[in-house]
Amino acid sequence: MIATVMNIITLIKKITLFYIEGFRNMRVGKRLWLIIGIKFILFFVIIKLFFFPNFLKENFSNDTQRSEYILNNLTQEGEK
């Protein structure tokens, strides 16, 4: 049992080091991953700002009202 756990840990370490060393030796790939990361972050920031407004903060003034609204909507049975 202990030997199996140790083998799994060793395997995970080897896989992690494989990817770390591969990324460390990249030249063009680092720039491409940087571009992908920046686009990913910008894309989700823009989506969050324009398509998912904070409904609870806009429509309720305090946490008590917000929690009552959520509780009422979660506990409604088959009214939809």
N, C-alpha and C. Protein backbone atom coordinates (compact mmCIF):
# COMPACT_ATOMS: atom_id res chain seq x y z
N MET A 1 0.82 -1.19 0.00
CA MET A 1 0.00 0.00 0.00
C MET A 1 0.86 1.26 0.00
N ILE A 2 1.83 1.32 0.90
CA ILE A 2 2.71 2.48 0.98
C ILE A 2 3.56 2.61 -0.27
N ALA A 3 4.01 1.46 -0.81
CA ALA A 3 4.81 1.49 -2.03
C ALA A 3 4.00 2.04 -3.20
N THR A 4 2.72 1.71 -3.28
CA THR A 4 1.87 2.21 -4.35
C THR A 4 1.70 3.72 -4.25
N VAL A 5 1.49 4.21 -3.04
CA VAL A 5 1.35 5.66 -2.83
C VAL A 5 2.65 6.36 -3.22
N MET A 6 3.77 5.79 -2.84
CA MET A 6 5.07 6.39 -3.17
C MET A 6 5.28 6.38 -4.69
N ASN A 7 4.86 5.32 -5.37
CA ASN A 7 4.99 5.27 -6.83
C ASN A 7 4.13 6.34 -7.49
N ILE A 8 2.93 6.55 -6.97
CA ILE A 8 2.07 7.59 -7.52
C ILE A 8 2.67 8.97 -7.30
N ILE A 9 3.20 9.22 -6.12
CA ILE A 9 3.84 10.50 -5.83
C ILE A 9 5.05 10.72 -6.74
N THR A 10 5.85 9.67 -6.92
CA THR A 10 7.01 9.76 -7.80
C THR A 10 6.58 10.05 -9.24
N LEU A 11 5.53 9.39 -9.69
CA LEU A 11 5.02 9.62 -11.04
C LEU A 11 4.54 11.06 -11.21
N ILE A 12 3.83 11.57 -10.24
CA ILE A 12 3.34 12.95 -10.30
C ILE A 12 4.52 13.93 -10.34
N LYS A 13 5.55 13.67 -9.54
CA LYS A 13 6.75 14.53 -9.55
C LYS A 13 7.43 14.50 -10.91
N LYS A 14 7.55 13.30 -11.51
CA LYS A 14 8.19 13.19 -12.82
C LYS A 14 7.40 13.93 -13.90
N ILE A 15 6.09 13.80 -13.87
CA ILE A 15 5.26 14.49 -14.86
C ILE A 15 5.38 16.00 -14.68
N THR A 16 5.34 16.47 -13.45
CA THR A 16 5.47 17.91 -13.17
C THR A 16 6.81 18.44 -13.65
N LEU A 17 7.87 17.73 -13.33
CA LEU A 17 9.20 18.17 -13.78
C LEU A 17 9.32 18.15 -15.29
N PHE A 18 8.69 17.18 -15.95
CA PHE A 18 8.69 17.11 -17.41
C PHE A 18 8.12 18.39 -18.01
N TYR A 19 6.96 18.82 -17.49
CA TYR A 19 6.34 20.03 -18.03
C TYR A 19 7.10 21.29 -17.64
N ILE A 20 7.63 21.35 -16.43
CA ILE A 20 8.41 22.52 -16.01
C ILE A 20 9.65 22.67 -16.88
N GLU A 21 10.38 21.59 -17.09
CA GLU A 21 11.59 21.66 -17.92
C GLU A 21 11.24 22.00 -19.37
N GLY A 22 10.15 21.43 -19.87
CA GLY A 22 9.73 21.74 -21.24
C GLY A 22 9.39 23.21 -21.41
N PHE A 23 8.69 23.77 -20.44
CA PHE A 23 8.33 25.18 -20.53
C PHE A 23 9.56 26.07 -20.36
N ARG A 24 10.47 25.65 -19.52
CA ARG A 24 11.69 26.43 -19.28
C ARG A 24 12.55 26.52 -20.54
N ASN A 25 12.55 25.46 -21.34
CA ASN A 25 13.39 25.43 -22.54
C ASN A 25 12.71 26.02 -23.77
N MET A 26 11.49 26.47 -23.66
CA MET A 26 10.80 27.07 -24.79
C MET A 26 11.38 28.44 -25.11
N ARG A 27 11.28 28.80 -26.36
CA ARG A 27 11.67 30.14 -26.75
C ARG A 27 10.44 30.88 -27.29
N VAL A 28 9.93 30.46 -28.40
CA VAL A 28 8.76 31.10 -29.00
C VAL A 28 7.50 30.75 -28.19
N GLY A 29 7.46 29.56 -27.65
CA GLY A 29 6.28 29.10 -26.92
C GLY A 29 5.92 29.96 -25.73
N LYS A 30 6.92 30.52 -25.05
CA LYS A 30 6.64 31.39 -23.91
C LYS A 30 5.85 32.62 -24.33
N ARG A 31 6.23 33.19 -25.45
CA ARG A 31 5.51 34.37 -25.94
C ARG A 31 4.09 34.00 -26.34
N LEU A 32 3.94 32.85 -26.98
CA LEU A 32 2.62 32.42 -27.39
C LEU A 32 1.72 32.18 -26.19
N TRP A 33 2.25 31.53 -25.15
CA TRP A 33 1.47 31.30 -23.94
C TRP A 33 1.13 32.62 -23.25
N LEU A 34 2.03 33.57 -23.29
CA LEU A 34 1.76 34.89 -22.72
C LEU A 34 0.62 35.57 -23.46
N ILE A 35 0.65 35.52 -24.78
CA ILE A 35 -0.43 36.10 -25.59
C ILE A 35 -1.75 35.41 -25.30
N ILE A 36 -1.73 34.08 -25.21
CA ILE A 36 -2.95 33.32 -24.90
C ILE A 36 -3.47 33.73 -23.53
N GLY A 37 -2.60 33.85 -22.54
CA GLY A 37 -3.02 34.24 -21.20
C GLY A 37 -3.64 35.62 -21.16
N ILE A 38 -3.01 36.57 -21.85
CA ILE A 38 -3.54 37.94 -21.89
C ILE A 38 -4.91 37.96 -22.57
N LYS A 39 -5.04 37.26 -23.68
CA LYS A 39 -6.33 37.22 -24.37
C LYS A 39 -7.39 36.56 -23.51
N PHE A 40 -7.03 35.52 -22.81
CA PHE A 40 -7.95 34.80 -21.94
C PHE A 40 -8.46 35.72 -20.83
N ILE A 41 -7.56 36.42 -20.18
CA ILE A 41 -7.93 37.33 -19.11
C ILE A 41 -8.80 38.47 -19.63
N LEU A 42 -8.40 39.09 -20.73
CA LEU A 42 -9.18 40.19 -21.29
C LEU A 42 -10.56 39.73 -21.72
N PHE A 43 -10.62 38.57 -22.34
CA PHE A 43 -11.89 38.05 -22.82
C PHE A 43 -12.87 37.88 -21.66
N PHE A 44 -12.43 37.27 -20.57
CA PHE A 44 -13.33 37.03 -19.46
C PHE A 44 -13.64 38.30 -18.67
N VAL A 45 -12.72 39.24 -18.62
CA VAL A 45 -13.00 40.52 -17.96
C VAL A 45 -14.07 41.27 -18.74
N ILE A 46 -13.95 41.29 -20.06
CA ILE A 46 -14.94 41.98 -20.90
C ILE A 46 -16.30 41.30 -20.79
N ILE A 47 -16.31 39.99 -20.83
CA ILE A 47 -17.58 39.27 -20.70
C ILE A 47 -18.22 39.55 -19.34
N LYS A 48 -17.42 39.53 -18.29
CA LYS A 48 -17.95 39.78 -16.94
C LYS A 48 -18.55 41.18 -16.84
N LEU A 49 -17.87 42.16 -17.36
CA LEU A 49 -18.34 43.53 -17.25
C LEU A 49 -19.61 43.80 -18.04
N PHE A 50 -19.69 43.28 -19.25
CA PHE A 50 -20.80 43.63 -20.13
C PHE A 50 -21.97 42.67 -20.09
N PHE A 51 -21.74 41.41 -19.82
CA PHE A 51 -22.82 40.43 -19.94
C PHE A 51 -23.30 39.86 -18.61
N PHE A 52 -22.56 40.05 -17.53
CA PHE A 52 -22.96 39.53 -16.23
C PHE A 52 -22.90 40.62 -15.17
N PRO A 53 -23.85 41.53 -15.20
CA PRO A 53 -23.85 42.59 -14.18
C PRO A 53 -24.16 42.02 -12.81
N ASN A 54 -23.82 42.74 -11.77
CA ASN A 54 -24.05 42.29 -10.41
C ASN A 54 -25.50 42.62 -10.04
N PHE A 55 -26.39 41.69 -10.32
CA PHE A 55 -27.82 41.88 -10.13
C PHE A 55 -28.19 42.21 -8.69
N LEU A 56 -27.59 41.50 -7.75
CA LEU A 56 -27.96 41.70 -6.34
C LEU A 56 -27.53 43.07 -5.82
N LYS A 57 -26.35 43.52 -6.18
CA LYS A 57 -25.89 44.84 -5.70
C LYS A 57 -26.69 45.97 -6.34
N GLU A 58 -27.13 45.77 -7.58
CA GLU A 58 -27.87 46.83 -8.26
C GLU A 58 -29.30 46.95 -7.74
N ASN A 59 -29.89 45.84 -7.31
CA ASN A 59 -31.31 45.85 -6.97
C ASN A 59 -31.61 45.83 -5.47
N PHE A 60 -30.61 45.58 -4.65
CA PHE A 60 -30.85 45.52 -3.21
C PHE A 60 -29.78 46.33 -2.50
N SER A 61 -30.19 47.02 -1.42
CA SER A 61 -29.26 47.94 -0.78
C SER A 61 -28.42 47.32 0.34
N ASN A 62 -28.87 46.18 0.92
CA ASN A 62 -28.08 45.58 2.00
C ASN A 62 -28.09 44.05 1.89
N ASP A 63 -27.27 43.43 2.72
CA ASP A 63 -27.12 41.97 2.66
C ASP A 63 -28.37 41.23 3.11
N THR A 64 -29.13 41.82 4.00
CA THR A 64 -30.36 41.17 4.47
C THR A 64 -31.36 41.02 3.32
N GLN A 65 -31.54 42.07 2.55
CA GLN A 65 -32.45 42.01 1.41
C GLN A 65 -31.96 41.01 0.37
N ARG A 66 -30.67 41.01 0.14
CA ARG A 66 -30.10 40.08 -0.83
C ARG A 66 -30.32 38.63 -0.41
N SER A 67 -30.05 38.35 0.87
CA SER A 67 -30.20 36.98 1.35
C SER A 67 -31.66 36.54 1.34
N GLU A 68 -32.60 37.44 1.65
CA GLU A 68 -34.02 37.10 1.58
C GLU A 68 -34.45 36.79 0.15
N TYR A 69 -33.95 37.57 -0.80
CA TYR A 69 -34.28 37.34 -2.21
C TYR A 69 -33.78 35.96 -2.65
N ILE A 70 -32.55 35.64 -2.31
CA ILE A 70 -31.97 34.35 -2.69
C ILE A 70 -32.72 33.21 -2.03
N LEU A 71 -33.01 33.34 -0.75
CA LEU A 71 -33.74 32.30 -0.02
C LEU A 71 -35.12 32.07 -0.62
N ASN A 72 -35.83 33.14 -0.94
CA ASN A 72 -37.16 33.00 -1.55
C ASN A 72 -37.09 32.32 -2.91
N ASN A 73 -36.09 32.63 -3.70
CA ASN A 73 -35.98 32.02 -5.02
C ASN A 73 -35.54 30.57 -4.96
N LEU A 74 -34.73 30.22 -3.97
CA LEU A 74 -34.28 28.84 -3.85
C LEU A 74 -35.33 27.93 -3.26
N THR A 75 -36.24 28.47 -2.44
CA THR A 75 -37.23 27.64 -1.77
C THR A 75 -38.58 27.60 -2.45
N GLN A 76 -38.75 28.28 -3.57
CA GLN A 76 -40.01 28.21 -4.31
C GLN A 76 -40.15 26.83 -4.91
N GLU A 77 -41.35 26.24 -4.76
CA GLU A 77 -41.57 24.89 -5.28
C GLU A 77 -42.48 24.95 -6.50
N GLY A 78 -41.95 24.58 -7.65
CA GLY A 78 -42.73 24.38 -8.87
C GLY A 78 -43.59 25.54 -9.33
N GLU A 79 -43.26 26.73 -9.01
CA GLU A 79 -44.06 27.88 -9.44
C GLU A 79 -43.64 28.39 -10.80
N LYS A 80 -42.62 27.84 -11.38
CA LYS A 80 -42.11 28.36 -12.65
C LYS A 80 -42.82 27.77 -13.82
